[in-house]
PDB file of N, CA and C in Angstrom:
ATOM      1  N   MET A   1     166.828  86.225  64.086  1.00  0.00           N
ATOM      2  CA  MET A   1     167.736  85.103  64.143  1.00  0.00           C
ATOM      3  C   MET A   1     166.995  83.859  63.657  1.00  0.00           C
ATOM      4  N   LYS A   2     167.654  83.049  62.872  1.00  0.00           N
ATOM      5  CA  LYS A   2     167.092  81.801  62.357  1.00  0.00           C
ATOM      6  C   LYS A   2     167.170  80.734  63.432  1.00  0.00           C
ATOM      7  N   SER A   3     166.121  79.919  63.537  1.00  0.00           N
ATOM      8  CA  SER A   3     166.063  78.838  64.505  1.00  0.00           C
ATOM      9  C   SER A   3     165.816  77.526  63.773  1.00  0.00           C
ATOM     10  N   PHE A   4     166.426  76.446  64.230  1.00  0.00           N
ATOM     11  CA  PHE A   4     166.258  75.136  63.616  1.00  0.00           C
ATOM     12  C   PHE A   4     165.731  74.152  64.646  1.00  0.00           C
ATOM     13  N   THR A   5     164.868  73.274  64.202  1.00  0.00           N
ATOM     14  CA  THR A   5     164.328  72.224  65.056  1.00  0.00           C
ATOM     15  C   THR A   5     164.755  70.876  64.494  1.00  0.00           C
ATOM     16  N   THR A   6     165.237  70.015  65.354  1.00  0.00           N
ATOM     17  CA  THR A   6     165.665  68.685  64.925  1.00  0.00           C
ATOM     18  C   THR A   6     164.459  67.882  64.462  1.00  0.00           C
ATOM     19  N   ALA A   7     164.566  67.320  63.273  1.00  0.00           N
ATOM     20  CA  ALA A   7     163.473  66.517  62.713  1.00  0.00           C
ATOM     21  C   ALA A   7     163.374  65.194  63.460  1.00  0.00           C
ATOM     22  N   LYS A   8     162.160  64.739  63.665  1.00  0.00           N
ATOM     23  CA  LYS A   8     161.938  63.431  64.284  1.00  0.00           C
ATOM     24  C   LYS A   8     162.382  62.351  63.309  1.00  0.00           C
ATOM     25  N   LYS A   9     163.124  61.413  63.820  1.00  0.00           N
ATOM     26  CA  LYS A   9     163.592  60.297  63.003  1.00  0.00           C
ATOM     27  C   LYS A   9     162.751  59.067  63.272  1.00  0.00           C
ATOM     28  N   ARG A  10     162.660  58.245  62.284  1.00  0.00           N
ATOM     29  CA  ARG A  10     161.947  56.981  62.436  1.00  0.00           C
ATOM     30  C   ARG A  10     162.796  56.046  63.293  1.00  0.00           C
ATOM     31  N   ARG A  11     162.179  55.412  64.247  1.00  0.00           N
ATOM     32  CA  ARG A  11     162.915  54.518  65.144  1.00  0.00           C
ATOM     33  C   ARG A  11     162.441  53.065  65.046  1.00  0.00           C
ATOM     34  N   ASP A  12     161.204  52.856  64.577  1.00  0.00           N
ATOM     35  CA  ASP A  12     160.710  51.487  64.493  1.00  0.00           C
ATOM     36  C   ASP A  12     161.286  50.812  63.247  1.00  0.00           C
ATOM     37  N   PRO A  13     161.530  49.506  63.333  1.00  0.00           N
ATOM     38  CA  PRO A  13     162.137  48.782  62.206  1.00  0.00           C
ATOM     39  C   PRO A  13     161.320  48.897  60.924  1.00  0.00           C
ATOM     40  N   LEU A  14     162.031  48.857  59.822  1.00  0.00           N
ATOM     41  CA  LEU A  14     161.428  48.896  58.488  1.00  0.00           C
ATOM     42  C   LEU A  14     161.559  47.512  57.873  1.00  0.00           C
ATOM     43  N   GLU A  15     160.515  47.056  57.245  1.00  0.00           N
ATOM     44  CA  GLU A  15     160.577  45.788  56.522  1.00  0.00           C
ATOM     45  C   GLU A  15     160.333  46.059  55.052  1.00  0.00           C
ATOM     46  N   PHE A  16     161.043  45.327  54.227  1.00  0.00           N
ATOM     47  CA  PHE A  16     160.847  45.441  52.785  1.00  0.00           C
ATOM     48  C   PHE A  16     161.061  44.074  52.157  1.00  0.00           C
ATOM     49  N   THR A  17     160.382  43.863  51.048  1.00  0.00           N
ATOM     50  CA  THR A  17     160.469  42.591  50.343  1.00  0.00           C
ATOM     51  C   THR A  17     161.320  42.777  49.103  1.00  0.00           C
ATOM     52  N   LEU A  18     162.214  41.855  48.896  1.00  0.00           N
ATOM     53  CA  LEU A  18     163.084  41.854  47.732  1.00  0.00           C
ATOM     54  C   LEU A  18     162.628  40.732  46.811  1.00  0.00           C
ATOM     55  N   ASP A  19     162.450  41.067  45.550  1.00  0.00           N
ATOM     56  CA  ASP A  19     162.057  40.106  44.517  1.00  0.00           C
ATOM     57  C   ASP A  19     160.751  39.392  44.843  1.00  0.00           C
ATOM     58  N   GLU A  20     159.747  40.194  45.143  1.00  0.00           N
ATOM     59  CA  GLU A  20     158.416  39.669  45.460  1.00  0.00           C
ATOM     60  C   GLU A  20     157.881  38.803  44.318  1.00  0.00           C
ATOM     61  N   ASP A  21     157.194  37.755  44.691  1.00  0.00           N
ATOM     62  CA  ASP A  21     156.568  36.832  43.742  1.00  0.00           C
ATOM     63  C   ASP A  21     157.567  36.117  42.834  1.00  0.00           C
ATOM     64  N   THR A  22     158.776  35.892  43.344  1.00  0.00           N
ATOM     65  CA  THR A  22     159.770  35.106  42.623  1.00  0.00           C
ATOM     66  C   THR A  22     160.317  34.056  43.592  1.00  0.00           C
ATOM     67  N   PRO A  23     161.039  33.070  43.093  1.00  0.00           N
ATOM     68  CA  PRO A  23     161.634  32.076  43.998  1.00  0.00           C
ATOM     69  C   PRO A  23     162.636  32.686  44.987  1.00  0.00           C
ATOM     70  N   LYS A  24     163.182  33.854  44.670  1.00  0.00           N
ATOM     71  CA  LYS A  24     164.159  34.498  45.555  1.00  0.00           C
ATOM     72  C   LYS A  24     163.508  35.498  46.515  1.00  0.00           C
ATOM     73  N   GLU A  25     162.192  35.517  46.577  1.00  0.00           N
ATOM     74  CA  GLU A  25     161.504  36.478  47.450  1.00  0.00           C
ATOM     75  C   GLU A  25     161.986  36.336  48.890  1.00  0.00           C
ATOM     76  N   ARG A  26     162.219  37.479  49.506  1.00  0.00           N
ATOM     77  CA  ARG A  26     162.643  37.486  50.909  1.00  0.00           C
ATOM     78  C   ARG A  26     162.254  38.832  51.521  1.00  0.00           C
ATOM     79  N   THR A  27     161.751  38.799  52.733  1.00  0.00           N
ATOM     80  CA  THR A  27     161.454  40.015  53.472  1.00  0.00           C
ATOM     81  C   THR A  27     162.606  40.267  54.430  1.00  0.00           C
ATOM     82  N   LEU A  28     163.143  41.476  54.370  1.00  0.00           N
ATOM     83  CA  LEU A  28     164.266  41.865  55.206  1.00  0.00           C
ATOM     84  C   LEU A  28     163.800  42.912  56.215  1.00  0.00           C
ATOM     85  N   ARG A  29     164.487  42.969  57.334  1.00  0.00           N
ATOM     86  CA  ARG A  29     164.136  43.902  58.409  1.00  0.00           C
ATOM     87  C   ARG A  29     165.346  44.785  58.687  1.00  0.00           C
ATOM     88  N   PHE A  30     165.121  46.097  58.637  1.00  0.00           N
ATOM     89  CA  PHE A  30     166.183  47.074  58.857  1.00  0.00           C
ATOM     90  C   PHE A  30     165.860  47.897  60.097  1.00  0.00           C
ATOM     91  N   VAL A  31     166.782  47.910  61.052  1.00  0.00           N
ATOM     92  CA  VAL A  31     166.636  48.737  62.246  1.00  0.00           C
ATOM     93  C   VAL A  31     167.269  50.093  61.917  1.00  0.00           C
ATOM     94  N   PRO A  32     166.480  51.170  61.923  1.00  0.00           N
ATOM     95  CA  PRO A  32     167.000  52.480  61.516  1.00  0.00           C
ATOM     96  C   PRO A  32     168.283  52.876  62.239  1.00  0.00           C
ATOM     97  N   GLN A  33     169.215  53.356  61.452  1.00  0.00           N
ATOM     98  CA  GLN A  33     170.497  53.847  61.938  1.00  0.00           C
ATOM     99  C   GLN A  33     170.561  55.353  61.661  1.00  0.00           C
ATOM    100  N   LYS A  34     171.330  56.072  62.449  1.00  0.00           N
ATOM    101  CA  LYS A  34     171.507  57.494  62.173  1.00  0.00           C
ATOM    102  C   LYS A  34     172.246  57.654  60.857  1.00  0.00           C
ATOM    103  N   VAL A  35     171.729  58.472  59.975  1.00  0.00           N
ATOM    104  CA  VAL A  35     172.351  58.711  58.677  1.00  0.00           C
ATOM    105  C   VAL A  35     173.698  59.400  58.871  1.00  0.00           C
ATOM    106  N   SER A  36     173.843  60.136  59.956  1.00  0.00           N
ATOM    107  CA  SER A  36     175.112  60.831  60.205  1.00  0.00           C
ATOM    108  C   SER A  36     176.286  59.855  60.281  1.00  0.00           C
ATOM    109  N   GLY A  37     176.032  58.624  60.735  1.00  0.00           N
ATOM    110  CA  GLY A  37     177.111  57.639  60.778  1.00  0.00           C
ATOM    111  C   GLY A  37     177.678  57.372  59.402  1.00  0.00           C
ATOM    112  N   MET A  38     176.791  57.270  58.404  1.00  0.00           N
ATOM    113  CA  MET A  38     177.237  57.037  57.037  1.00  0.00           C
ATOM    114  C   MET A  38     177.963  58.269  56.503  1.00  0.00           C
ATOM    115  N   VAL A  39     177.404  59.436  56.740  1.00  0.00           N
ATOM    116  CA  VAL A  39     177.990  60.669  56.220  1.00  0.00           C
ATOM    117  C   VAL A  39     179.339  60.955  56.888  1.00  0.00           C
ATOM    118  N   MET A  40     179.411  60.750  58.189  1.00  0.00           N
ATOM    119  CA  MET A  40     180.662  61.014  58.898  1.00  0.00           C
ATOM    120  C   MET A  40     181.785  60.102  58.397  1.00  0.00           C
ATOM    121  N   ASP A  41     181.441  58.871  58.021  1.00  0.00           N
ATOM    122  CA  ASP A  41     182.442  57.966  57.454  1.00  0.00           C
ATOM    123  C   ASP A  41     183.073  58.554  56.194  1.00  0.00           C
ATOM    124  N   LEU A  42     182.291  59.303  55.437  1.00  0.00           N
ATOM    125  CA  LEU A  42     182.798  59.894  54.200  1.00  0.00           C
ATOM    126  C   LEU A  42     183.803  61.016  54.474  1.00  0.00           C
ATOM    127  N   PHE A  43     183.695  61.646  55.637  1.00  0.00           N
ATOM    128  CA  PHE A  43     184.558  62.776  55.969  1.00  0.00           C
ATOM    129  C   PHE A  43     185.633  62.436  56.994  1.00  0.00           C
ATOM    130  N   ASP A  44     185.771  61.154  57.306  1.00  0.00           N
ATOM    131  CA  ASP A  44     186.748  60.707  58.289  1.00  0.00           C
ATOM    132  C   ASP A  44     188.158  60.967  57.760  1.00  0.00           C
ATOM    133  N   ASP A  45     188.905  61.827  58.448  1.00  0.00           N
ATOM    134  CA  ASP A  45     190.262  62.177  58.019  1.00  0.00           C
ATOM    135  C   ASP A  45     191.208  60.993  58.042  1.00  0.00           C
ATOM    136  N   ASP A  46     190.936  60.000  58.884  1.00  0.00           N
ATOM    137  CA  ASP A  46     191.823  58.854  59.009  1.00  0.00           C
ATOM    138  C   ASP A  46     191.694  57.870  57.849  1.00  0.00           C
ATOM    139  N   ASP A  47     190.600  57.940  57.094  1.00  0.00           N
ATOM    140  CA  ASP A  47     190.368  56.972  56.021  1.00  0.00           C
ATOM    141  C   ASP A  47     189.862  57.686  54.776  1.00  0.00           C
ATOM    142  N   GLU A  48     190.772  58.350  54.086  1.00  0.00           N
ATOM    143  CA  GLU A  48     190.402  59.120  52.892  1.00  0.00           C
ATOM    144  C   GLU A  48     190.031  58.225  51.717  1.00  0.00           C
ATOM    145  N   SER A  49     190.340  56.934  51.821  1.00  0.00           N
ATOM    146  CA  SER A  49     190.096  56.030  50.706  1.00  0.00           C
ATOM    147  C   SER A  49     188.709  55.396  50.728  1.00  0.00           C
ATOM    148  N   LYS A  50     187.911  55.661  51.753  1.00  0.00           N
ATOM    149  CA  LYS A  50     186.607  55.001  51.870  1.00  0.00           C
ATOM    150  C   LYS A  50     185.629  55.604  50.849  1.00  0.00           C
ATOM    151  N   PRO A  51     185.222  54.817  49.861  1.00  0.00           N
ATOM    152  CA  PRO A  51     184.289  55.332  48.858  1.00  0.00           C
ATOM    153  C   PRO A  51     182.874  55.442  49.434  1.00  0.00           C
ATOM    154  N   PRO A  52     182.046  56.312  48.854  1.00  0.00           N
ATOM    155  CA  PRO A  52     180.666  56.464  49.326  1.00  0.00           C
ATOM    156  C   PRO A  52     179.898  55.145  49.353  1.00  0.00           C
ATOM    157  N   ALA A  53     180.148  54.274  48.387  1.00  0.00           N
ATOM    158  CA  ALA A  53     179.430  52.992  48.360  1.00  0.00           C
ATOM    159  C   ALA A  53     179.763  52.160  49.588  1.00  0.00           C
ATOM    160  N   LYS A  54     181.002  52.199  50.051  1.00  0.00           N
ATOM    161  CA  LYS A  54     181.401  51.446  51.242  1.00  0.00           C
ATOM    162  C   LYS A  54     180.714  52.007  52.483  1.00  0.00           C
ATOM    163  N   ALA A  55     180.639  53.321  52.586  1.00  0.00           N
ATOM    164  CA  ALA A  55     179.957  53.945  53.724  1.00  0.00           C
ATOM    165  C   ALA A  55     178.480  53.560  53.732  1.00  0.00           C
ATOM    166  N   ALA A  56     177.851  53.549  52.565  1.00  0.00           N
ATOM    167  CA  ALA A  56     176.437  53.163  52.477  1.00  0.00           C
ATOM    168  C   ALA A  56     176.250  51.695  52.830  1.00  0.00           C
ATOM    169  N   MET A  57     177.160  50.839  52.373  1.00  0.00           N
ATOM    170  CA  MET A  57     177.070  49.408  52.690  1.00  0.00           C
ATOM    171  C   MET A  57     177.241  49.166  54.188  1.00  0.00           C
ATOM    172  N   ASP A  58     178.171  49.873  54.802  1.00  0.00           N
ATOM    173  CA  ASP A  58     178.373  49.727  56.252  1.00  0.00           C
ATOM    174  C   ASP A  58     177.122  50.152  57.008  1.00  0.00           C
ATOM    175  N   TRP A  59     176.520  51.258  56.588  1.00  0.00           N
ATOM    176  CA  TRP A  59     175.299  51.768  57.225  1.00  0.00           C
ATOM    177  C   TRP A  59     174.175  50.745  57.098  1.00  0.00           C
ATOM    178  N   LEU A  60     174.004  50.214  55.904  1.00  0.00           N
ATOM    179  CA  LEU A  60     172.969  49.214  55.681  1.00  0.00           C
ATOM    180  C   LEU A  60     173.244  47.966  56.529  1.00  0.00           C
ATOM    181  N   SER A  61     174.478  47.502  56.529  1.00  0.00           N
ATOM    182  CA  SER A  61     174.852  46.312  57.302  1.00  0.00           C
ATOM    183  C   SER A  61     174.566  46.483  58.785  1.00  0.00           C
ATOM    184  N   ASP A  62     174.812  47.680  59.301  1.00  0.00           N
ATOM    185  CA  ASP A  62     174.570  47.947  60.720  1.00  0.00           C
ATOM    186  C   ASP A  62     173.098  47.812  61.097  1.00  0.00           C
ATOM    187  N   GLY A  63     172.213  48.024  60.133  1.00  0.00           N
ATOM    188  CA  GLY A  63     170.785  47.967  60.414  1.00  0.00           C
ATOM    189  C   GLY A  63     170.129  46.626  60.118  1.00  0.00           C
ATOM    190  N   LEU A  64     170.860  45.734  59.452  1.00  0.00           N
ATOM    191  CA  LEU A  64     170.316  44.425  59.098  1.00  0.00           C
ATOM    192  C   LEU A  64     170.812  43.355  60.066  1.00  0.00           C
ATOM    193  N   SER A  65     170.060  42.280  60.149  1.00  0.00           N
ATOM    194  CA  SER A  65     170.554  41.129  60.904  1.00  0.00           C
ATOM    195  C   SER A  65     171.741  40.549  60.138  1.00  0.00           C
ATOM    196  N   GLU A  66     172.552  39.786  60.814  1.00  0.00           N
ATOM    197  CA  GLU A  66     173.697  39.153  60.159  1.00  0.00           C
ATOM    198  C   GLU A  66     173.216  38.236  59.028  1.00  0.00           C
ATOM    199  N   GLU A  67     172.116  37.553  59.266  1.00  0.00           N
ATOM    200  CA  GLU A  67     171.565  36.646  58.255  1.00  0.00           C
ATOM    201  C   GLU A  67     171.117  37.413  57.010  1.00  0.00           C
ATOM    202  N   ASP A  68     170.396  38.529  57.199  1.00  0.00           N
ATOM    203  CA  ASP A  68     169.949  39.323  56.046  1.00  0.00           C
ATOM    204  C   ASP A  68     171.135  39.950  55.323  1.00  0.00           C
ATOM    205  N   ASN A  69     172.123  40.402  56.068  1.00  0.00           N
ATOM    206  CA  ASN A  69     173.310  40.988  55.465  1.00  0.00           C
ATOM    207  C   ASN A  69     174.053  39.946  54.618  1.00  0.00           C
ATOM    208  N   ASP A  70     174.233  38.741  55.184  1.00  0.00           N
ATOM    209  CA  ASP A  70     174.899  37.661  54.443  1.00  0.00           C
ATOM    210  C   ASP A  70     174.127  37.299  53.175  1.00  0.00           C
ATOM    211  N   TYR A  71     172.797  37.323  53.268  1.00  0.00           N
ATOM    212  CA  TYR A  71     171.945  37.029  52.116  1.00  0.00           C
ATOM    213  C   TYR A  71     172.209  38.025  50.982  1.00  0.00           C
ATOM    214  N   LEU A  72     172.228  39.320  51.312  1.00  0.00           N
ATOM    215  CA  LEU A  72     172.457  40.332  50.275  1.00  0.00           C
ATOM    216  C   LEU A  72     173.861  40.208  49.679  1.00  0.00           C
ATOM    217  N   ILE A  73     174.852  39.987  50.519  1.00  0.00           N
ATOM    218  CA  ILE A  73     176.225  39.856  50.024  1.00  0.00           C
ATOM    219  C   ILE A  73     176.356  38.637  49.109  1.00  0.00           C
ATOM    220  N   ALA A  74     175.750  37.526  49.495  1.00  0.00           N
ATOM    221  CA  ALA A  74     175.801  36.323  48.657  1.00  0.00           C
ATOM    222  C   ALA A  74     175.170  36.585  47.294  1.00  0.00           C
ATOM    223  N   ARG A  75     174.055  37.306  47.291  1.00  0.00           N
ATOM    224  CA  ARG A  75     173.406  37.609  46.012  1.00  0.00           C
ATOM    225  C   ARG A  75     174.257  38.545  45.175  1.00  0.00           C
ATOM    226  N   LEU A  76     174.916  39.513  45.806  1.00  0.00           N
ATOM    227  CA  LEU A  76     175.782  40.422  45.057  1.00  0.00           C
ATOM    228  C   LEU A  76     176.975  39.680  44.450  1.00  0.00           C
ATOM    229  N   LYS A  77     177.481  38.694  45.153  1.00  0.00           N
ATOM    230  CA  LYS A  77     178.661  37.955  44.679  1.00  0.00           C
ATOM    231  C   LYS A  77     178.326  36.861  43.667  1.00  0.00           C
ATOM    232  N   ASP A  78     177.072  36.447  43.598  1.00  0.00           N
ATOM    233  CA  ASP A  78     176.668  35.357  42.708  1.00  0.00           C
ATOM    234  C   ASP A  78     176.612  35.861  41.263  1.00  0.00           C
ATOM    235  N   PRO A  79     177.501  35.371  40.394  1.00  0.00           N
ATOM    236  CA  PRO A  79     177.523  35.854  39.008  1.00  0.00           C
ATOM    237  C   PRO A  79     176.251  35.509  38.225  1.00  0.00           C
ATOM    238  N   GLU A  80     175.484  34.548  38.697  1.00  0.00           N
ATOM    239  CA  GLU A  80     174.251  34.149  38.008  1.00  0.00           C
ATOM    240  C   GLU A  80     173.032  34.928  38.504  1.00  0.00           C
ATOM    241  N   ASP A  81     173.191  35.729  39.556  1.00  0.00           N
ATOM    242  CA  ASP A  81     172.083  36.470  40.152  1.00  0.00           C
ATOM    243  C   ASP A  81     172.051  37.880  39.571  1.00  0.00           C
ATOM    244  N   ASP A  82     170.890  38.332  39.137  1.00  0.00           N
ATOM    245  CA  ASP A  82     170.755  39.668  38.548  1.00  0.00           C
ATOM    246  C   ASP A  82     170.823  40.790  39.579  1.00  0.00           C
ATOM    247  N   PHE A  83     170.697  40.481  40.863  1.00  0.00           N
ATOM    248  CA  PHE A  83     170.755  41.506  41.909  1.00  0.00           C
ATOM    249  C   PHE A  83     172.139  42.157  41.897  1.00  0.00           C
ATOM    250  N   ASP A  84     172.168  43.513  41.794  1.00  0.00           N
ATOM    251  CA  ASP A  84     173.440  44.214  41.649  1.00  0.00           C
ATOM    252  C   ASP A  84     173.384  45.553  42.391  1.00  0.00           C
ATOM    253  N   PHE A  85     174.479  46.306  42.336  1.00  0.00           N
ATOM    254  CA  PHE A  85     174.573  47.548  43.090  1.00  0.00           C
ATOM    255  C   PHE A  85     173.477  48.572  42.771  1.00  0.00           C
ATOM    256  N   PRO A  86     173.036  48.725  41.531  1.00  0.00           N
ATOM    257  CA  PRO A  86     171.928  49.659  41.313  1.00  0.00           C
ATOM    258  C   PRO A  86     170.673  49.269  42.105  1.00  0.00           C
ATOM    259  N   ASP A  87     170.420  47.970  42.235  1.00  0.00           N
ATOM    260  CA  ASP A  87     169.283  47.502  43.028  1.00  0.00           C
ATOM    261  C   ASP A  87     169.493  47.846  44.502  1.00  0.00           C
ATOM    262  N   LEU A  88     170.692  47.599  44.976  1.00  0.00           N
ATOM    263  CA  LEU A  88     171.029  47.905  46.362  1.00  0.00           C
ATOM    264  C   LEU A  88     170.936  49.410  46.611  1.00  0.00           C
ATOM    265  N   GLY A  89     171.376  50.192  45.646  1.00  0.00           N
ATOM    266  CA  GLY A  89     171.308  51.653  45.768  1.00  0.00           C
ATOM    267  C   GLY A  89     169.886  52.148  45.946  1.00  0.00           C
ATOM    268  N   ARG A  90     168.945  51.555  45.214  1.00  0.00           N
ATOM    269  CA  ARG A  90     167.535  51.956  45.354  1.00  0.00           C
ATOM    270  C   ARG A  90     167.014  51.624  46.748  1.00  0.00           C
ATOM    271  N   ILE A  91     167.452  50.494  47.290  1.00  0.00           N
ATOM    272  CA  ILE A  91     167.039  50.100  48.639  1.00  0.00           C
ATOM    273  C   ILE A  91     167.590  51.097  49.662  1.00  0.00           C
ATOM    274  N   VAL A  92     168.884  51.420  49.563  1.00  0.00           N
ATOM    275  CA  VAL A  92     169.499  52.363  50.497  1.00  0.00           C
ATOM    276  C   VAL A  92     168.826  53.725  50.394  1.00  0.00           C
ATOM    277  N   LYS A  93     168.560  54.179  49.186  1.00  0.00           N
ATOM    278  CA  LYS A  93     167.905  55.476  48.986  1.00  0.00           C
ATOM    279  C   LYS A  93     166.535  55.486  49.664  1.00  0.00           C
ATOM    280  N   TRP A  94     165.775  54.421  49.491  1.00  0.00           N
ATOM    281  CA  TRP A  94     164.460  54.335  50.123  1.00  0.00           C
ATOM    282  C   TRP A  94     164.583  54.327  51.640  1.00  0.00           C
ATOM    283  N   LEU A  95     165.505  53.526  52.170  1.00  0.00           N
ATOM    284  CA  LEU A  95     165.694  53.448  53.619  1.00  0.00           C
ATOM    285  C   LEU A  95     166.091  54.800  54.202  1.00  0.00           C
ATOM    286  N   VAL A  96     167.010  55.503  53.554  1.00  0.00           N
ATOM    287  CA  VAL A  96     167.425  56.826  54.045  1.00  0.00           C
ATOM    288  C   VAL A  96     166.223  57.760  54.082  1.00  0.00           C
ATOM    289  N   GLY A  97     165.402  57.733  53.038  1.00  0.00           N
ATOM    290  CA  GLY A  97     164.201  58.572  53.013  1.00  0.00           C
ATOM    291  C   GLY A  97     163.248  58.235  54.138  1.00  0.00           C
ATOM    292  N   GLU A  98     163.071  56.965  54.401  1.00  0.00           N
ATOM    293  CA  GLU A  98     162.167  56.541  55.471  1.00  0.00           C
ATOM    294  C   GLU A  98     162.720  56.898  56.854  1.00  0.00           C
ATOM    295  N   VAL A  99     164.012  56.697  57.046  1.00  0.00           N
ATOM    296  CA  VAL A  99     164.630  56.963  58.345  1.00  0.00           C
ATOM    297  C   VAL A  99     164.617  58.459  58.656  1.00  0.00           C
ATOM    298  N   THR A 100     164.863  59.277  57.653  1.00  0.00           N
ATOM    299  CA  THR A 100     164.935  60.715  57.881  1.00  0.00           C
ATOM    300  C   THR A 100     163.582  61.402  57.788  1.00  0.00           C
ATOM    301  N   GLY A 101     162.569  60.662  57.359  1.00  0.00           N
ATOM    302  CA  GLY A 101     161.262  61.284  57.194  1.00  0.00           C
ATOM    303  C   GLY A 101     161.149  62.104  55.929  1.00  0.00           C
ATOM    304  N   ARG A 102     162.056  61.870  55.009  1.00  0.00           N
ATOM    305  CA  ARG A 102     162.052  62.573  53.723  1.00  0.00           C
ATOM    306  C   ARG A 102     162.066  61.554  52.597  1.00  0.00           C
ATOM    307  N   PRO A 103     160.929  60.916  52.361  1.00  0.00           N
ATOM    308  CA  PRO A 103     160.867  59.889  51.307  1.00  0.00           C
ATOM    309  C   PRO A 103     161.355  60.434  49.973  1.00  0.00           C
ATOM    310  N   THR A 104     162.070  59.584  49.240  1.00  0.00           N
ATOM    311  CA  THR A 104     162.698  60.008  47.997  1.00  0.00           C
ATOM    312  C   THR A 104     162.022  59.441  46.751  1.00  0.00           C
ATOM    313  N   GLY A 105     160.952  58.725  46.924  1.00  0.00           N
ATOM    314  CA  GLY A 105     160.313  58.144  45.755  1.00  0.00           C
ATOM    315  C   GLY A 105     158.916  57.663  46.090  1.00  0.00           C
ATOM    316  N   PRO A 106     158.298  56.998  45.115  1.00  0.00           N
ATOM    317  CA  PRO A 106     156.943  56.496  45.355  1.00  0.00           C
ATOM    318  C   PRO A 106     156.916  55.501  46.499  1.00  0.00           C
ATOM    319  N   ARG A 107     155.863  55.544  47.264  1.00  0.00           N
ATOM    320  CA  ARG A 107     155.721  54.648  48.417  1.00  0.00           C
ATOM    321  C   ARG A 107     154.746  53.545  48.072  1.00  0.00           C
ATOM    322  N   ARG A 108     155.070  52.361  48.570  1.00  0.00           N
ATOM    323  CA  ARG A 108     154.177  51.213  48.410  1.00  0.00           C
ATOM    324  C   ARG A 108     153.866  50.659  49.776  1.00  0.00           C
ATOM    325  N   GLY A 109     152.627  50.232  49.919  1.00  0.00           N
ATOM    326  CA  GLY A 109     152.208  49.493  51.101  1.00  0.00           C
ATOM    327  C   GLY A 109     152.609  50.063  52.343  1.00  0.00           C
TER     328      GLY A 109
END
C-alpha cells in the first residue's frame, strides 16, 4: 500500500525586494498562506467565472499587509509604471515555491 506524508510548509514570513536599486525600490513582507485556498477558489462551484489570475491575486493579497497590497495595485494601475502582470506572476510563482518547499527557480539571498 502506498503511504503519503504531508510536506512541511513554510510558516515564517517571506520578504522580497521589488525594483532593487531604483527609486521605486520597496521591500514587501508576505505571510505564507495555504496554497489550497488559491486552488480551491479555482474549483468553487458557486463561482465558475473566477479566472486563475484572480485566485492568485486574492491569495497574494491575503498574505500582504494592506499597505503593500495597495502599493502593488497602484503600480499595476499606473499607465506610466512598467510593473505588470508578468512581473506579478513571477513573484507569485516564487512565493508558492517558497511556501510549499518546492522552489521553482533560482534563489537569491
